[in-house]
Amino acid sequence: MARGFGLCLEEDYGDVLDLEDIEVDWFQKMTEVNFDLGDEAETDDGGSRSDDIAWAGAAKPNGSTSAKVDLQRMTWYLLGFLDQYVHTAGTGDLHIHEFWGGENHELTSFVGIAMYDALKIALYGLIEDGLKLEVSDSAMTVNADWLYATEQGEILDIGEDFVEPEELEDSRIPVRFFDVSVLLNGEKPGSVQTSFNMEGSNNHDQDGTIGLSSRFPQEKPQAAKRTIKLSLATTLNRRSYREILNARYGEVNAVRPHACKILKVPLELRIVQCENPNQKLIIQFPQCTLKAEFDLKGADRVEATLNLQTLGNNEVTLNDGTTKVNTDIYCKLINKVPELTLEETPAVGD
């Protein structure tokens, strides 16, 4: 029996492959795997107090997954969420993957396998609509929201097991809170950060993919405005007063709200795994608006939250040292995963 989820790149969007022909690149046991056809029936009452006819409505397949972060599988999550990708061979068996947010409206699509014990569901035309990273005092989690085109199911025979692909090297150790650090405005904050949260959405338009002749999506959904919200939790004390007031008043060293300014700073998330320090993930948000919130409840410590909203008007220099791109998010991932590519995959690195 298996419970979990796996992915591989898709050659043609929504192409329904035979189940035996699908070979996912990885499979992970997960705490949450939920996929639904989104096919609510439509009804009509004809003026009566009760419905008397019903028919199949438009299908809007969607789902979500939740798992612990490891630096190998994050390659696929970042490829799905962002529209620009460059691979560079590193030293030894290491690979450098760079991802950033651009202006392409069609993102990479995948084929997925979701296992619910002996029930195997193949998911075609998977598009990553949302990506959420969270970490506090345990392992970092990655939550993804998906849209897809259609699915196909199979019930395994009694005694038959789902054959998982070979485990990705160095993927069994998750990212823990002590592997994670943050730079705010180029510096390590003076106070302790007790949690980090990133929530991004591609805001795909699934409605525009369903039209005459089929109730299922007929083409790849278009990504709309990309939104990324960040938050850092800390404690209000002498080590954090100044940072909190800067964010609250809109200017460094301000003592009252500025007449017209808001504070805008870069934020950088660094993940360096303790056991494998040569493998790392650096996520840069070149410019973000910054706002502080805090409240007092009795004798408890006063928790403060720094909320950031990314902007896409600052430059980042790529790993080659010369190429500069304007973006709201840039990721540099160094791991042991080879280049992810398909000639048919659109809008990646264009």
Protein backbone atom coordinates (compact mmCIF):
# COMPACT_ATOMS: atom_id res chain seq x y z
CA MET A 1 0.00 0.00 0.00
CA ALA A 2 1.20 3.53 -0.74
CA ARG A 3 -0.06 6.96 0.11
CA GLY A 4 1.54 9.96 -1.55
CA PHE A 5 2.21 11.88 -4.72
CA GLY A 6 4.78 12.01 -7.53
CA LEU A 7 5.55 14.10 -10.63
CA CYS A 8 7.19 14.08 -14.02
CA LEU A 9 7.33 16.63 -16.82
CA GLU A 10 4.60 16.45 -19.46
CA GLU A 11 5.37 16.51 -23.16
CA ASP A 12 1.95 17.65 -24.43
CA TYR A 13 -0.52 19.41 -22.17
CA GLY A 14 -3.31 17.11 -21.02
CA ASP A 15 -2.23 14.17 -23.17
CA VAL A 16 -3.80 11.06 -21.59
CA LEU A 17 -1.10 8.38 -21.38
CA ASP A 18 -1.65 4.75 -20.48
CA LEU A 19 -1.02 4.26 -16.79
CA GLU A 20 1.73 1.74 -17.42
CA ASP A 21 3.58 4.31 -19.56
CA ILE A 22 3.81 6.90 -16.76
CA GLU A 23 7.13 6.99 -14.92
CA VAL A 24 7.21 9.73 -12.32
CA ASP A 25 10.61 11.21 -11.49
CA TRP A 26 9.94 10.98 -7.76
CA PHE A 27 7.31 9.86 -5.32
CA GLN A 28 6.88 11.15 -1.78
CA LYS A 29 4.77 9.96 1.10
CA MET A 30 2.72 13.00 2.09
CA THR A 31 0.46 14.14 4.88
CA GLU A 32 -2.11 15.64 2.51
CA VAL A 33 -3.00 14.75 -1.09
CA ASN A 34 -6.35 16.03 -2.32
CA PHE A 35 -7.58 16.13 -5.91
CA ASP A 36 -11.12 16.75 -7.09
CA LEU A 37 -12.75 16.94 -10.53
CA GLY A 38 -14.74 20.02 -9.55
CA ASP A 39 -17.66 18.74 -11.61
CA GLU A 40 -20.75 19.87 -9.74
CA ALA A 41 -23.98 18.77 -11.39
CA GLU A 42 -26.30 21.46 -12.75
CA THR A 43 -30.02 21.27 -12.04
CA ASP A 44 -33.26 22.93 -13.08
CA ASP A 45 -36.58 23.12 -11.24
CA GLY A 46 -38.78 24.30 -14.11
CA GLY A 47 -40.62 26.54 -11.65
CA SER A 48 -41.22 23.75 -9.15
CA ARG A 49 -40.15 23.80 -5.50
CA SER A 50 -37.83 20.89 -6.24
CA ASP A 51 -35.33 20.16 -8.99
CA ASP A 52 -36.59 17.69 -11.54
CA ILE A 53 -33.68 17.43 -13.99
CA ALA A 54 -29.90 17.33 -13.63
CA TRP A 55 -26.98 17.18 -16.00
CA ALA A 56 -23.21 17.16 -15.88
CA GLY A 57 -21.69 20.60 -15.31
CA ALA A 58 -18.34 22.03 -16.34
CA ALA A 59 -15.39 20.23 -14.75
CA LYS A 60 -12.71 22.37 -13.12
CA PRO A 61 -10.20 19.84 -11.79
CA ASN A 62 -8.05 21.10 -8.93
CA GLY A 63 -6.07 19.79 -5.99
CA SER A 64 -3.52 20.41 -3.27
CA THR A 65 -0.54 18.61 -1.77
CA SER A 66 1.44 19.11 1.42
CA ALA A 67 4.86 17.67 2.21
CA LYS A 68 8.13 18.32 3.98
CA VAL A 69 10.68 20.27 1.96
CA ASP A 70 13.81 18.62 0.65
CA LEU A 71 16.31 20.32 -1.64
CA GLN A 72 15.97 17.74 -4.43
CA ARG A 73 12.19 17.77 -5.02
CA MET A 74 12.08 21.57 -4.71
CA THR A 75 13.52 21.63 -8.25
CA TRP A 76 10.13 20.53 -9.65
CA TYR A 77 8.09 22.82 -7.39
CA LEU A 78 10.10 25.88 -8.42
CA LEU A 79 9.99 24.91 -12.10
CA GLY A 80 6.21 24.66 -11.87
CA PHE A 81 5.66 27.91 -10.01
CA LEU A 82 8.01 30.16 -11.99
CA ASP A 83 8.29 30.70 -15.73
CA GLN A 84 12.04 31.19 -16.24
CA TYR A 85 14.68 28.47 -15.79
CA VAL A 86 18.40 28.17 -16.49
CA HIS A 87 20.56 25.14 -15.65
CA THR A 88 24.33 25.17 -15.17
CA ALA A 89 26.53 22.19 -14.42
CA GLY A 90 28.24 22.66 -11.07
CA THR A 91 31.34 21.02 -9.63
CA GLY A 92 31.38 17.24 -9.21
CA ASP A 93 27.85 15.86 -9.13
CA LEU A 94 26.25 19.20 -8.25
CA HIS A 95 23.88 21.14 -10.51
CA ILE A 96 22.88 24.80 -10.36
CA HIS A 97 19.22 25.57 -11.10
CA GLU A 98 18.08 29.18 -11.42
CA PHE A 99 14.41 30.16 -11.51
CA TRP A 100 12.78 33.55 -11.59
CA GLY A 101 9.46 35.17 -12.29
CA GLY A 102 9.00 36.64 -15.76
CA GLU A 103 6.15 37.63 -18.03
CA ASN A 104 5.21 34.32 -19.67
CA HIS A 105 1.56 33.34 -19.24
CA GLU A 106 1.95 29.62 -19.98
CA LEU A 107 3.80 27.61 -17.35
CA THR A 108 5.28 24.12 -17.30
CA SER A 109 2.79 21.26 -17.03
CA PHE A 110 3.25 17.88 -15.38
CA VAL A 111 1.80 14.40 -15.12
CA GLY A 112 1.16 13.31 -11.55
CA ILE A 113 0.43 10.09 -9.74
CA ALA A 114 -1.63 10.22 -6.54
CA MET A 115 -1.80 7.03 -4.48
CA TYR A 116 -4.59 6.33 -2.00
CA ASP A 117 -3.61 2.85 -0.77
CA ALA A 118 -4.64 0.55 -3.66
CA LEU A 119 -6.30 3.34 -5.66
CA LYS A 120 -4.00 4.90 -8.24
CA ILE A 121 -5.01 8.18 -9.90
CA ALA A 122 -3.08 9.59 -12.86
CA LEU A 123 -3.41 13.38 -13.22
CA TYR A 124 -2.84 14.97 -16.63
CA GLY A 125 -2.10 18.62 -17.40
CA LEU A 126 -1.05 19.52 -13.87
CA ILE A 127 -0.33 23.24 -13.52
CA GLU A 128 1.05 24.72 -10.30
CA ASP A 129 -1.24 27.56 -9.36
CA GLY A 130 0.03 28.25 -5.85
CA LEU A 131 3.16 27.63 -3.77
CA LYS A 132 3.44 28.06 -0.01
CA LEU A 133 6.55 27.59 2.16
CA GLU A 134 6.30 27.57 5.95
CA VAL A 135 8.80 26.98 8.74
CA SER A 136 8.78 27.66 12.47
CA ASP A 137 10.30 25.23 14.99
CA SER A 138 10.26 21.98 12.99
CA ALA A 139 10.68 20.87 9.38
CA MET A 140 9.83 23.28 6.56
CA THR A 141 6.68 22.38 4.64
CA VAL A 142 5.75 22.98 1.01
CA ASN A 143 2.09 23.27 0.06
CA ALA A 144 1.13 23.41 -3.60
CA ASP A 145 -2.19 24.19 -5.26
CA TRP A 146 -2.78 22.52 -8.60
CA LEU A 147 -5.11 22.77 -11.58
CA TYR A 148 -5.31 19.93 -14.07
CA ALA A 149 -7.06 18.80 -17.25
CA THR A 150 -8.35 15.31 -16.50
CA GLU A 151 -7.52 12.07 -14.72
CA GLN A 152 -7.56 8.31 -15.01
CA GLY A 153 -7.94 5.76 -12.22
CA GLU A 154 -6.81 2.20 -11.58
CA ILE A 155 -7.40 -0.21 -8.71
CA LEU A 156 -4.37 -2.33 -7.86
CA ASP A 157 -4.95 -6.05 -7.58
CA ILE A 158 -4.89 -7.69 -4.17
CA GLY A 159 -1.24 -8.22 -3.28
CA GLU A 160 -0.05 -5.81 -5.97
CA ASP A 161 2.16 -2.95 -4.80
CA PHE A 162 2.78 0.44 -6.35
CA VAL A 163 6.37 0.43 -7.62
CA GLU A 164 7.98 3.64 -6.44
CA PRO A 165 10.80 5.20 -8.46
CA GLU A 166 14.31 5.13 -7.04
CA GLU A 167 14.71 7.58 -4.17
CA LEU A 168 16.35 10.87 -5.11
CA GLU A 169 19.82 11.16 -3.62
CA ASP A 170 19.95 13.18 -0.38
CA SER A 171 16.17 13.62 -0.35
CA ARG A 172 15.36 11.78 2.87
CA ILE A 173 16.55 14.59 5.14
CA PRO A 174 14.02 17.43 5.22
CA VAL A 175 14.89 21.10 5.62
CA ARG A 176 14.67 22.02 9.32
CA PHE A 177 14.27 25.41 10.97
CA PHE A 178 17.95 25.51 11.92
CA ASP A 179 18.88 25.16 8.22
CA VAL A 180 17.03 28.41 7.44
CA SER A 181 18.16 32.03 7.84
CA VAL A 182 16.84 35.37 6.64
CA LEU A 183 18.47 38.62 5.52
CA LEU A 184 16.31 41.73 5.68
CA ASN A 185 17.61 44.75 3.78
CA GLY A 186 20.92 42.92 3.39
CA GLU A 187 21.40 42.23 7.08
CA LYS A 188 20.47 39.58 9.59
CA PRO A 189 17.66 41.03 11.74
CA GLY A 190 18.67 41.92 15.28
CA SER A 191 15.94 39.84 16.88
CA VAL A 192 15.05 36.15 16.65
CA GLN A 193 12.66 35.19 13.85
CA THR A 194 10.31 32.48 15.10
CA SER A 195 8.69 31.70 11.75
CA PHE A 196 8.80 32.42 8.02
CA ASN A 197 5.93 32.15 5.57
CA MET A 198 5.81 32.61 1.80
CA GLU A 199 2.52 32.37 -0.08
CA GLY A 200 2.52 32.77 -3.85
CA SER A 201 -0.17 32.47 -6.49
CA ASN A 202 -0.16 32.48 -10.30
CA ASN A 203 -3.90 33.21 -10.38
CA HIS A 204 -4.57 31.00 -13.41
CA ASP A 205 -7.76 31.54 -15.38
CA GLN A 206 -9.25 28.05 -15.62
CA ASP A 207 -12.67 29.30 -16.75
CA GLY A 208 -11.25 30.38 -20.10
CA THR A 209 -10.13 26.84 -20.92
CA ILE A 210 -13.63 25.28 -20.98
CA GLY A 211 -15.82 25.84 -24.01
CA LEU A 212 -18.05 24.22 -26.56
CA SER A 213 -17.68 20.48 -27.29
CA SER A 214 -16.16 19.44 -23.92
CA ARG A 215 -16.89 20.07 -20.27
CA PHE A 216 -13.22 19.54 -19.36
CA PRO A 217 -10.35 22.04 -19.88
CA GLN A 218 -9.32 22.00 -23.52
CA GLU A 219 -6.16 24.10 -23.35
CA LYS A 220 -3.54 25.18 -20.83
CA PRO A 221 -4.80 27.82 -18.37
CA GLN A 222 -3.21 31.25 -18.64
CA ALA A 223 -1.33 32.60 -15.62
CA ALA A 224 -2.48 36.06 -14.59
CA LYS A 225 -0.85 38.45 -12.10
CA ARG A 226 1.68 36.71 -9.87
CA THR A 227 1.29 37.62 -6.22
CA ILE A 228 3.78 36.75 -3.47
CA LYS A 229 3.24 37.59 0.18
CA LEU A 230 5.84 37.04 2.90
CA SER A 231 5.74 37.21 6.66
CA LEU A 232 8.29 36.97 9.49
CA ALA A 233 7.29 36.50 13.11
CA THR A 234 9.48 37.89 15.88
CA THR A 235 9.21 39.20 19.44
CA LEU A 236 8.82 42.85 20.33
CA ASN A 237 11.82 43.72 22.53
CA ARG A 238 14.88 45.96 22.61
CA ARG A 239 16.51 43.99 19.80
CA SER A 240 13.53 44.50 17.51
CA TYR A 241 12.06 47.90 18.46
CA ARG A 242 13.97 49.80 15.79
CA GLU A 243 13.16 47.35 12.97
CA ILE A 244 9.49 47.36 13.94
CA LEU A 245 9.30 51.16 14.03
CA ASN A 246 11.10 51.44 10.67
CA ALA A 247 8.46 49.20 9.11
CA ARG A 248 5.59 50.86 10.98
CA TYR A 249 6.58 54.44 10.13
CA GLY A 250 7.88 53.93 6.58
CA GLU A 251 11.45 55.16 6.94
CA VAL A 252 14.64 54.04 8.68
CA ASN A 253 15.10 55.76 12.08
CA ALA A 254 11.69 57.47 11.86
CA VAL A 255 9.88 58.24 15.11
CA ARG A 256 6.49 59.06 13.58
CA PRO A 257 4.54 57.97 10.47
CA HIS A 258 6.00 59.46 7.30
CA ALA A 259 3.81 61.86 5.38
CA CYS A 260 4.07 59.94 2.11
CA LYS A 261 6.67 57.15 2.20
CA ILE A 262 6.43 53.42 2.76
CA LEU A 263 9.45 51.28 3.55
CA LYS A 264 10.72 49.08 0.71
CA VAL A 265 13.48 46.56 1.34
CA PRO A 266 14.94 43.37 -0.17
CA LEU A 267 14.54 40.05 1.62
CA GLU A 268 16.65 36.94 1.14
CA LEU A 269 15.87 33.44 2.38
CA ARG A 270 18.84 31.09 2.72
CA ILE A 271 18.56 27.34 3.19
CA VAL A 272 21.82 25.49 3.80
CA GLN A 273 21.33 21.92 4.93
CA CYS A 274 23.50 21.09 7.93
CA GLU A 275 24.43 17.59 6.72
CA ASN A 276 25.06 18.70 3.10
CA PRO A 277 26.27 22.33 3.22
CA ASN A 278 27.32 22.30 -0.44
CA GLN A 279 23.64 21.95 -1.38
CA LYS A 280 21.56 25.05 -0.79
CA LEU A 281 18.57 27.14 -1.85
CA ILE A 282 18.72 30.92 -1.95
CA ILE A 283 15.51 32.83 -2.66
CA GLN A 284 15.80 36.56 -3.26
CA PHE A 285 12.93 39.01 -3.24
CA PRO A 286 14.71 42.10 -4.64
CA GLN A 287 12.21 44.66 -3.39
CA CYS A 288 9.25 44.34 -1.02
CA THR A 289 6.93 46.69 0.78
CA LEU A 290 7.21 46.22 4.53
CA LYS A 291 4.61 46.61 7.25
CA ALA A 292 4.73 45.74 10.96
CA GLU A 293 1.93 44.47 13.17
CA PHE A 294 1.94 43.64 16.89
CA ASP A 295 -0.44 43.42 19.81
CA LEU A 296 -0.32 42.84 23.54
CA LYS A 297 -2.18 40.07 25.37
CA GLY A 298 -1.70 40.02 29.12
CA ALA A 299 1.71 38.93 30.36
CA ASP A 300 2.54 36.88 27.26
CA ARG A 301 5.43 37.94 25.07
CA VAL A 302 4.44 40.52 22.49
CA GLU A 303 4.65 38.85 19.09
CA ALA A 304 5.32 41.08 16.14
CA THR A 305 4.85 40.21 12.48
CA LEU A 306 6.61 41.76 9.52
CA ASN A 307 4.45 41.47 6.40
CA LEU A 308 5.99 41.94 2.98
CA GLN A 309 4.54 42.21 -0.53
CA THR A 310 6.96 41.64 -3.42
CA LEU A 311 7.57 44.11 -6.24
CA GLY A 312 9.07 43.30 -9.63
CA ASN A 313 11.04 46.44 -10.41
CA ASN A 314 14.57 45.56 -9.19
CA GLU A 315 17.41 43.73 -10.90
CA VAL A 316 19.04 40.44 -10.01
CA THR A 317 22.32 39.21 -11.52
CA LEU A 318 22.26 35.57 -12.58
CA ASN A 319 24.89 32.99 -11.75
CA ASP A 320 26.87 33.79 -14.94
CA GLY A 321 27.78 37.13 -13.37
CA THR A 322 26.62 39.25 -16.32
CA THR A 323 22.97 38.57 -17.13
CA LYS A 324 20.59 40.87 -15.26
CA VAL A 325 16.84 40.33 -14.96
CA ASN A 326 14.03 42.37 -13.46
CA THR A 327 11.89 40.18 -11.25
CA ASP A 328 9.94 39.89 -8.01
CA ILE A 329 11.52 36.53 -7.08
CA TYR A 330 14.77 34.75 -7.95
CA CYS A 331 15.79 31.28 -6.77
CA LYS A 332 19.20 29.65 -6.94
CA LEU A 333 19.08 25.96 -6.08
CA ILE A 334 22.24 23.84 -5.87
CA ASN A 335 21.57 20.11 -5.57
CA LYS A 336 22.17 16.75 -7.26
CA VAL A 337 19.24 16.84 -9.70
CA PRO A 338 20.24 16.99 -13.39
CA GLU A 339 18.68 19.52 -15.76
CA LEU A 340 14.89 19.34 -16.08
CA THR A 341 13.95 19.79 -19.68
CA LEU A 342 11.68 18.65 -22.49
CA GLU A 343 11.86 20.09 -25.98
CA GLU A 344 8.08 20.43 -25.93
CA THR A 345 7.98 22.25 -22.60
CA PRO A 346 6.93 25.86 -23.38
CA ALA A 347 7.81 29.10 -21.69
CA VAL A 348 10.82 27.90 -19.72
CA GLY A 349 13.91 30.03 -20.03
CA ASP A 350 12.59 31.85 -23.09
